[in-house]
Amino acid sequence: MADTNVEASFSTLKQTIPLLLKHKVSAVPTNYALWYTYVSNESPDLSSAVDNLIENKIALSEVRTKELYRNYLAEKEEVSAWELRQSVEGMLIQLSQSLNDTRSETSTFKQTMDNCVDDLAKVEKEGLSIEEVMALVRNLVKETQNIRRSTISFNSALSDAHKEIEALKSQLEQSQQEALYDALTGLCNRRYFDEELATQSIQPGLCLIIVDLDYFKKINDNYGHVMGDLVLKATAKKLQATCRDGAQAFRFGGEEFAIIVPNASFAKARSMAESMRKAIEKIGVKDKRSGEVLGDISASMGVAELQKGMNPLALVEEADKQLYQAKNLGRNRVMPMS
């Protein structure tokens, strides 16, 4: 029995090494474990995921193999540590945005109070009417209620964050998983994007879509950064849901997203971008404080196809060029037109 097991192990080993070489994956322990498990078919889910990538001619980059390892082979403790770090990062982002919004509203409130004091000082000097004085008082009450709601909201967020931090900070140092995901949206981050694009750019038939939310600064200014974060999360979900045939969405930075579309014609990539644009138009985000639903969200998109002799940076620049053209033509559109 022992000899049979040894022979089986050597047989698997002989098949594993050539696969590492074929897919240009470094022979570090995690990669070896991944491909060894694939060859031995000990994890049908892993085998199915790898076969799907190979079938779609998607290069197995270093970051993608790390993702496969984390999803199918990593111990629960490793995955929990990664999720812990992402949870804490996301919570700190939300808390920071709440603090910024509260500071901004407090500054506005102070200015309003100063103006009200100045106006009230005119009561005796200029002999304002009862109606004018009551209008000043009503405005004062309204602004006081606004800052009270903002303070209550922030205090609640601060209290929740404090409880979570106390429960999690002792475990945070145990997390060694490299950050490949954006904490806010859950999408793959810019680092993942750069490595993946560099790997995929050696394959023919590669397209890139860059997405930029229209007038996003106004959303932050008018509704606060917490609402802005909710819009970013909703957009990420729509993009993920619209990706197909190996396409992958990334948080590119700020309100920008990028989608790598492998093994696709330009027409197919542009059609996918148009579907994404329409999906974003349907987003509605509710403000829990006021009950108001924020809609009318749109995005501009630029699409580019990798041409012979073009490097990854040039592909990004071309997609960016098309994106700015979409902005200049009025936003909420995909460029080029065809």
Protein backbone atom coordinates (compact mmCIF):
# COMPACT_ATOMS: atom_id res chain seq x y z
CA MET A 1 0.00 0.00 0.00
CA ALA A 2 2.80 2.41 0.95
CA ASP A 3 4.67 1.72 -2.31
CA THR A 4 1.48 2.40 -4.25
CA ASN A 5 1.03 5.75 -2.50
CA VAL A 6 4.64 6.72 -3.21
CA GLU A 7 4.29 5.79 -6.86
CA ALA A 8 1.08 7.80 -7.12
CA SER A 9 2.79 10.81 -5.53
CA PHE A 10 5.70 10.64 -7.96
CA SER A 11 3.27 10.29 -10.86
CA THR A 12 1.44 13.42 -9.73
CA LEU A 13 4.74 15.22 -9.24
CA LYS A 14 5.81 14.44 -12.80
CA GLN A 15 2.63 16.04 -14.11
CA THR A 16 2.75 19.05 -11.77
CA ILE A 17 6.18 20.45 -12.64
CA PRO A 18 5.52 20.70 -16.40
CA LEU A 19 2.29 22.59 -15.68
CA LEU A 20 4.17 25.13 -13.55
CA LEU A 21 6.57 25.66 -16.44
CA LYS A 22 3.84 25.77 -19.07
CA HIS A 23 1.85 28.44 -17.28
CA LYS A 24 5.00 30.33 -16.18
CA VAL A 25 4.11 30.11 -12.50
CA SER A 26 6.88 30.29 -9.92
CA ALA A 27 7.44 27.07 -7.96
CA VAL A 28 6.73 28.52 -4.51
CA PRO A 29 5.02 26.21 -2.01
CA THR A 30 1.53 27.67 -2.46
CA ASN A 31 1.69 27.41 -6.27
CA TYR A 32 3.07 23.90 -6.08
CA ALA A 33 0.28 22.89 -3.69
CA LEU A 34 -2.27 24.43 -6.04
CA TRP A 35 -1.12 22.56 -9.13
CA TYR A 36 -0.43 19.36 -7.26
CA THR A 37 -4.03 19.41 -6.02
CA TYR A 38 -5.23 20.19 -9.53
CA VAL A 39 -3.38 17.25 -11.05
CA SER A 40 -4.52 14.85 -8.32
CA ASN A 41 -8.10 16.17 -8.66
CA GLU A 42 -8.46 16.22 -4.88
CA SER A 43 -10.57 19.38 -5.14
CA PRO A 44 -13.16 19.19 -7.94
CA ASP A 45 -14.08 22.85 -7.38
CA LEU A 46 -10.48 23.93 -7.85
CA SER A 47 -10.11 21.76 -10.94
CA SER A 48 -13.28 23.26 -12.40
CA ALA A 49 -12.09 26.82 -11.74
CA VAL A 50 -8.67 26.19 -13.33
CA ASP A 51 -10.21 24.37 -16.31
CA ASN A 52 -12.55 27.32 -16.86
CA LEU A 53 -9.60 29.75 -16.94
CA ILE A 54 -7.65 27.54 -19.33
CA GLU A 55 -10.71 27.05 -21.55
CA ASN A 56 -11.18 30.83 -21.78
CA LYS A 57 -7.45 31.24 -22.49
CA ILE A 58 -6.97 33.43 -19.42
CA ALA A 59 -3.35 33.53 -18.30
CA LEU A 60 -2.76 32.31 -14.76
CA SER A 61 -0.93 35.27 -13.24
CA GLU A 62 0.73 35.25 -9.84
CA VAL A 63 -2.12 37.20 -8.24
CA ARG A 64 -4.75 34.98 -9.84
CA THR A 65 -3.04 31.83 -8.52
CA LYS A 66 -2.93 33.43 -5.07
CA GLU A 67 -6.66 34.01 -5.33
CA LEU A 68 -7.26 30.39 -6.33
CA TYR A 69 -5.15 29.20 -3.41
CA ARG A 70 -7.05 31.42 -0.98
CA ASN A 71 -10.45 30.32 -2.31
CA TYR A 72 -9.84 26.58 -2.55
CA LEU A 73 -6.81 25.49 -0.50
CA ALA A 74 -6.12 27.98 2.27
CA GLU A 75 -6.88 26.92 5.81
CA LYS A 76 -9.91 28.53 7.38
CA GLU A 77 -7.62 30.47 9.71
CA GLU A 78 -5.85 32.07 6.74
CA VAL A 79 -9.11 33.06 5.07
CA SER A 80 -10.52 34.40 8.34
CA ALA A 81 -7.43 36.54 8.83
CA TRP A 82 -7.77 38.00 5.34
CA GLU A 83 -11.47 38.71 5.86
CA LEU A 84 -10.64 40.27 9.21
CA ARG A 85 -8.19 42.72 7.67
CA GLN A 86 -10.64 43.64 4.91
CA SER A 87 -13.43 44.16 7.47
CA VAL A 88 -11.31 46.46 9.61
CA GLU A 89 -10.08 48.43 6.60
CA GLY A 90 -13.62 48.91 5.34
CA MET A 91 -14.84 49.96 8.78
CA LEU A 92 -12.06 52.52 9.16
CA ILE A 93 -12.86 53.97 5.73
CA GLN A 94 -16.51 54.38 6.68
CA LEU A 95 -15.61 55.90 10.04
CA SER A 96 -13.18 58.33 8.46
CA GLN A 97 -15.80 59.46 5.95
CA SER A 98 -18.36 59.93 8.73
CA LEU A 99 -15.88 62.06 10.63
CA ASN A 100 -15.12 64.18 7.56
CA ASP A 101 -18.82 64.72 6.87
CA THR A 102 -19.50 65.68 10.49
CA ARG A 103 -16.58 68.11 10.52
CA SER A 104 -17.85 69.71 7.31
CA GLU A 105 -21.39 70.00 8.62
CA THR A 106 -20.13 71.39 11.94
CA SER A 107 -18.16 74.06 10.10
CA THR A 108 -21.27 74.99 8.09
CA PHE A 109 -23.34 75.02 11.26
CA LYS A 110 -20.86 77.38 12.97
CA GLN A 111 -21.07 79.79 10.04
CA THR A 112 -24.86 79.65 10.14
CA MET A 113 -24.87 80.32 13.89
CA ASP A 114 -22.56 83.30 13.42
CA ASN A 115 -24.90 84.69 10.77
CA CYS A 116 -27.92 84.11 13.01
CA VAL A 117 -26.22 85.93 15.90
CA ASP A 118 -25.44 88.85 13.60
CA ASP A 119 -29.04 88.90 12.38
CA LEU A 120 -30.43 88.75 15.92
CA ALA A 121 -28.20 91.68 16.88
CA LYS A 122 -30.06 93.70 14.27
CA VAL A 123 -33.37 93.15 16.07
CA GLU A 124 -32.76 95.95 18.54
CA LYS A 125 -30.75 98.16 16.19
CA GLU A 126 -33.03 98.01 13.17
CA GLY A 127 -36.35 97.16 14.80
CA LEU A 128 -37.17 93.97 12.88
CA SER A 129 -40.79 92.83 12.83
CA ILE A 130 -42.11 89.86 14.79
CA GLU A 131 -42.39 87.88 11.54
CA GLU A 132 -38.76 88.58 10.65
CA VAL A 133 -37.57 87.62 14.13
CA MET A 134 -39.58 84.35 14.01
CA ALA A 135 -38.06 83.55 10.60
CA LEU A 136 -34.60 83.91 12.13
CA VAL A 137 -35.56 81.67 15.06
CA ARG A 138 -37.05 79.01 12.75
CA ASN A 139 -33.84 78.96 10.70
CA LEU A 140 -31.82 78.61 13.90
CA VAL A 141 -33.96 75.66 15.04
CA LYS A 142 -33.69 74.00 11.62
CA GLU A 143 -29.89 74.24 11.56
CA THR A 144 -29.67 72.99 15.14
CA GLN A 145 -31.75 69.94 14.24
CA ASN A 146 -29.52 69.25 11.22
CA ILE A 147 -26.31 69.27 13.24
CA ARG A 148 -27.99 67.19 15.96
CA ARG A 149 -28.90 64.48 13.43
CA SER A 150 -25.37 64.53 12.03
CA THR A 151 -23.83 64.28 15.51
CA ILE A 152 -26.13 61.43 16.53
CA SER A 153 -25.26 59.55 13.33
CA PHE A 154 -21.54 60.01 13.87
CA ASN A 155 -21.70 59.08 17.56
CA SER A 156 -23.54 55.89 16.62
CA ALA A 157 -20.92 55.03 14.00
CA LEU A 158 -18.15 55.82 16.48
CA SER A 159 -19.70 53.60 19.14
CA ASP A 160 -20.13 50.68 16.72
CA ALA A 161 -16.60 51.11 15.42
CA HIS A 162 -15.17 51.18 18.94
CA LYS A 163 -16.85 47.89 19.80
CA GLU A 164 -15.61 46.25 16.60
CA ILE A 165 -12.07 47.56 17.01
CA GLU A 166 -11.87 46.29 20.58
CA ALA A 167 -13.05 42.86 19.45
CA LEU A 168 -10.76 42.65 16.42
CA LYS A 169 -7.55 44.57 17.10
CA SER A 170 -6.00 41.72 19.09
CA GLN A 171 -6.40 39.47 16.04
CA LEU A 172 -5.31 41.93 13.36
CA GLU A 173 -1.58 41.27 13.72
CA GLN A 174 -2.18 37.63 12.84
CA SER A 175 -3.23 38.60 9.33
CA GLN A 176 -0.42 37.98 6.84
CA GLN A 177 -2.52 37.76 3.70
CA GLU A 178 -1.37 40.18 1.02
CA ALA A 179 -3.97 42.82 0.21
CA LEU A 180 -5.25 42.16 -3.29
CA TYR A 181 -8.76 43.50 -2.75
CA ASP A 182 -10.28 46.90 -2.22
CA ALA A 183 -11.68 47.05 1.32
CA LEU A 184 -14.63 49.28 0.44
CA THR A 185 -16.06 47.60 -2.67
CA GLY A 186 -14.63 44.08 -2.38
CA LEU A 187 -13.34 44.29 -5.95
CA CYS A 188 -9.77 43.44 -6.87
CA ASN A 189 -7.57 46.49 -6.30
CA ARG A 190 -5.16 48.51 -8.46
CA ARG A 191 -2.18 46.34 -7.54
CA TYR A 192 -4.07 43.25 -8.68
CA PHE A 193 -5.11 45.08 -11.85
CA ASP A 194 -1.55 46.10 -12.78
CA GLU A 195 -0.21 42.57 -12.38
CA GLU A 196 -3.16 40.98 -14.15
CA LEU A 197 -3.01 43.39 -17.09
CA ALA A 198 0.72 42.80 -17.50
CA THR A 199 0.09 39.05 -17.62
CA GLN A 200 -2.95 39.17 -19.89
CA SER A 201 -1.35 41.61 -22.34
CA ILE A 202 0.76 38.81 -23.83
CA GLN A 203 -2.45 37.16 -25.02
CA PRO A 204 -4.24 38.22 -28.23
CA GLY A 205 -7.78 39.57 -28.13
CA LEU A 206 -7.54 41.68 -24.96
CA CYS A 207 -9.81 44.66 -24.34
CA LEU A 208 -10.01 47.16 -21.49
CA ILE A 209 -12.96 49.20 -20.21
CA ILE A 210 -12.43 52.15 -17.88
CA VAL A 211 -15.49 53.41 -16.01
CA ASP A 212 -15.81 56.79 -14.29
CA LEU A 213 -18.89 57.82 -12.30
CA ASP A 214 -20.30 61.14 -13.50
CA TYR A 215 -20.39 64.11 -11.11
CA PHE A 216 -19.31 61.93 -8.20
CA LYS A 217 -17.84 64.91 -6.31
CA LYS A 218 -21.31 66.47 -6.22
CA ILE A 219 -22.66 63.31 -4.59
CA ASN A 220 -20.05 63.59 -1.83
CA ASP A 221 -20.60 67.33 -1.44
CA ASN A 222 -24.41 67.19 -1.41
CA TYR A 223 -25.05 63.89 0.38
CA GLY A 224 -21.82 63.16 2.27
CA HIS A 225 -19.02 60.65 1.80
CA VAL A 226 -20.94 57.82 3.44
CA MET A 227 -23.57 58.04 0.70
CA GLY A 228 -20.75 58.30 -1.81
CA ASP A 229 -19.31 55.05 -0.48
CA LEU A 230 -22.69 53.35 -0.85
CA VAL A 231 -22.81 54.46 -4.49
CA LEU A 232 -19.34 53.01 -5.07
CA LYS A 233 -20.39 49.69 -3.50
CA ALA A 234 -23.57 49.54 -5.59
CA THR A 235 -21.59 50.31 -8.75
CA ALA A 236 -19.09 47.56 -7.97
CA LYS A 237 -21.93 45.04 -7.61
CA LYS A 238 -23.46 46.08 -10.93
CA LEU A 239 -20.10 45.77 -12.71
CA GLN A 240 -19.44 42.34 -11.23
CA ALA A 241 -22.90 41.14 -12.18
CA THR A 242 -22.39 42.26 -15.79
CA CYS A 243 -18.94 40.67 -16.23
CA ARG A 244 -19.03 37.44 -18.23
CA ASP A 245 -16.77 35.09 -20.21
CA GLY A 246 -13.73 35.70 -18.02
CA ALA A 247 -14.09 39.49 -17.72
CA GLN A 248 -12.96 40.85 -14.37
CA ALA A 249 -13.75 44.14 -12.61
CA PHE A 250 -11.26 46.17 -10.53
CA ARG A 251 -11.38 49.28 -8.33
CA PHE A 252 -9.04 51.46 -10.36
CA GLY A 253 -8.99 54.38 -7.94
CA GLY A 254 -11.42 56.95 -6.52
CA GLU A 255 -14.64 56.73 -8.53
CA GLU A 256 -12.92 54.90 -11.41
CA PHE A 257 -13.22 51.20 -12.20
CA ALA A 258 -11.52 49.04 -14.80
CA ILE A 259 -12.67 45.85 -16.50
CA ILE A 260 -10.23 43.51 -18.22
CA VAL A 261 -12.00 41.62 -21.01
CA PRO A 262 -9.87 38.72 -22.32
CA ASN A 263 -10.34 36.84 -25.59
CA ALA A 264 -12.90 39.28 -26.90
CA SER A 265 -13.41 41.41 -29.97
CA PHE A 266 -13.72 45.16 -29.59
CA ALA A 267 -17.42 44.93 -30.50
CA LYS A 268 -18.04 42.42 -27.70
CA ALA A 269 -16.20 44.57 -25.14
CA ARG A 270 -18.11 47.67 -26.18
CA SER A 271 -21.42 45.80 -25.94
CA MET A 272 -20.47 44.72 -22.41
CA ALA A 273 -19.62 48.32 -21.51
CA GLU A 274 -23.00 49.48 -22.78
CA SER A 275 -24.74 46.86 -20.62
CA MET A 276 -22.76 48.12 -17.63
CA ARG A 277 -23.71 51.72 -18.35
CA LYS A 278 -27.40 50.84 -18.44
CA ALA A 279 -27.08 48.80 -15.22
CA ILE A 280 -25.50 51.76 -13.38
CA GLU A 281 -28.40 53.99 -14.47
CA LYS A 282 -30.72 51.75 -12.44
CA ILE A 283 -28.84 52.22 -9.16
CA GLY A 284 -30.81 53.72 -6.29
CA VAL A 285 -29.17 54.31 -2.89
CA LYS A 286 -31.18 55.23 0.23
CA ASP A 287 -29.95 57.73 2.81
CA LYS A 288 -30.80 56.11 6.17
CA ARG A 289 -30.79 59.45 7.96
CA SER A 290 -33.25 61.28 5.72
CA GLY A 291 -34.93 58.37 3.93
CA GLU A 292 -34.15 60.07 0.61
CA VAL A 293 -33.30 57.79 -2.31
CA LEU A 294 -30.40 58.92 -4.47
CA GLY A 295 -30.86 58.03 -8.12
CA ASP A 296 -29.90 59.51 -11.49
CA ILE A 297 -26.46 57.93 -11.23
CA SER A 298 -24.53 57.55 -14.46
CA ALA A 299 -21.08 56.71 -15.72
CA SER A 300 -18.88 57.47 -18.70
CA MET A 301 -16.78 54.71 -20.23
CA GLY A 302 -13.83 54.31 -22.53
CA VAL A 303 -13.06 51.08 -24.38
CA ALA A 304 -9.75 50.09 -25.97
CA GLU A 305 -8.43 46.99 -27.72
CA LEU A 306 -4.85 45.80 -27.43
CA GLN A 307 -3.14 46.27 -30.77
CA LYS A 308 0.03 44.61 -32.00
CA GLY A 309 3.07 46.25 -30.43
CA MET A 310 0.99 48.00 -27.76
CA ASN A 311 2.13 47.65 -24.13
CA PRO A 312 -0.20 47.63 -21.08
CA LEU A 313 0.40 51.31 -20.31
CA ALA A 314 -0.54 52.31 -23.86
CA LEU A 315 -3.74 50.27 -23.58
CA VAL A 316 -4.71 52.12 -20.39
CA GLU A 317 -3.89 55.46 -22.01
CA GLU A 318 -6.08 54.66 -25.01
CA ALA A 319 -9.02 53.64 -22.80
CA ASP A 320 -8.47 56.83 -20.76
CA LYS A 321 -8.47 58.89 -23.95
CA GLN A 322 -11.83 57.42 -24.97
CA LEU A 323 -13.18 58.00 -21.46
CA TYR A 324 -12.34 61.71 -21.57
CA GLN A 325 -13.95 61.91 -24.99
CA ALA A 326 -17.13 60.47 -23.46
CA LYS A 327 -16.96 63.13 -20.72
CA ASN A 328 -16.45 65.92 -23.23
CA LEU A 329 -19.44 64.81 -25.30
CA GLY A 330 -21.84 65.08 -22.37
CA ARG A 331 -21.14 62.04 -20.14
CA ASN A 332 -23.24 58.91 -19.60
CA ARG A 333 -21.98 57.25 -22.77
CA VAL A 334 -19.50 54.68 -24.09
CA MET A 335 -16.72 55.76 -26.42
CA PRO A 336 -15.79 55.19 -29.14
CA MET A 337 -19.23 55.03 -30.67
CA SER A 338 -18.41 51.95 -32.71
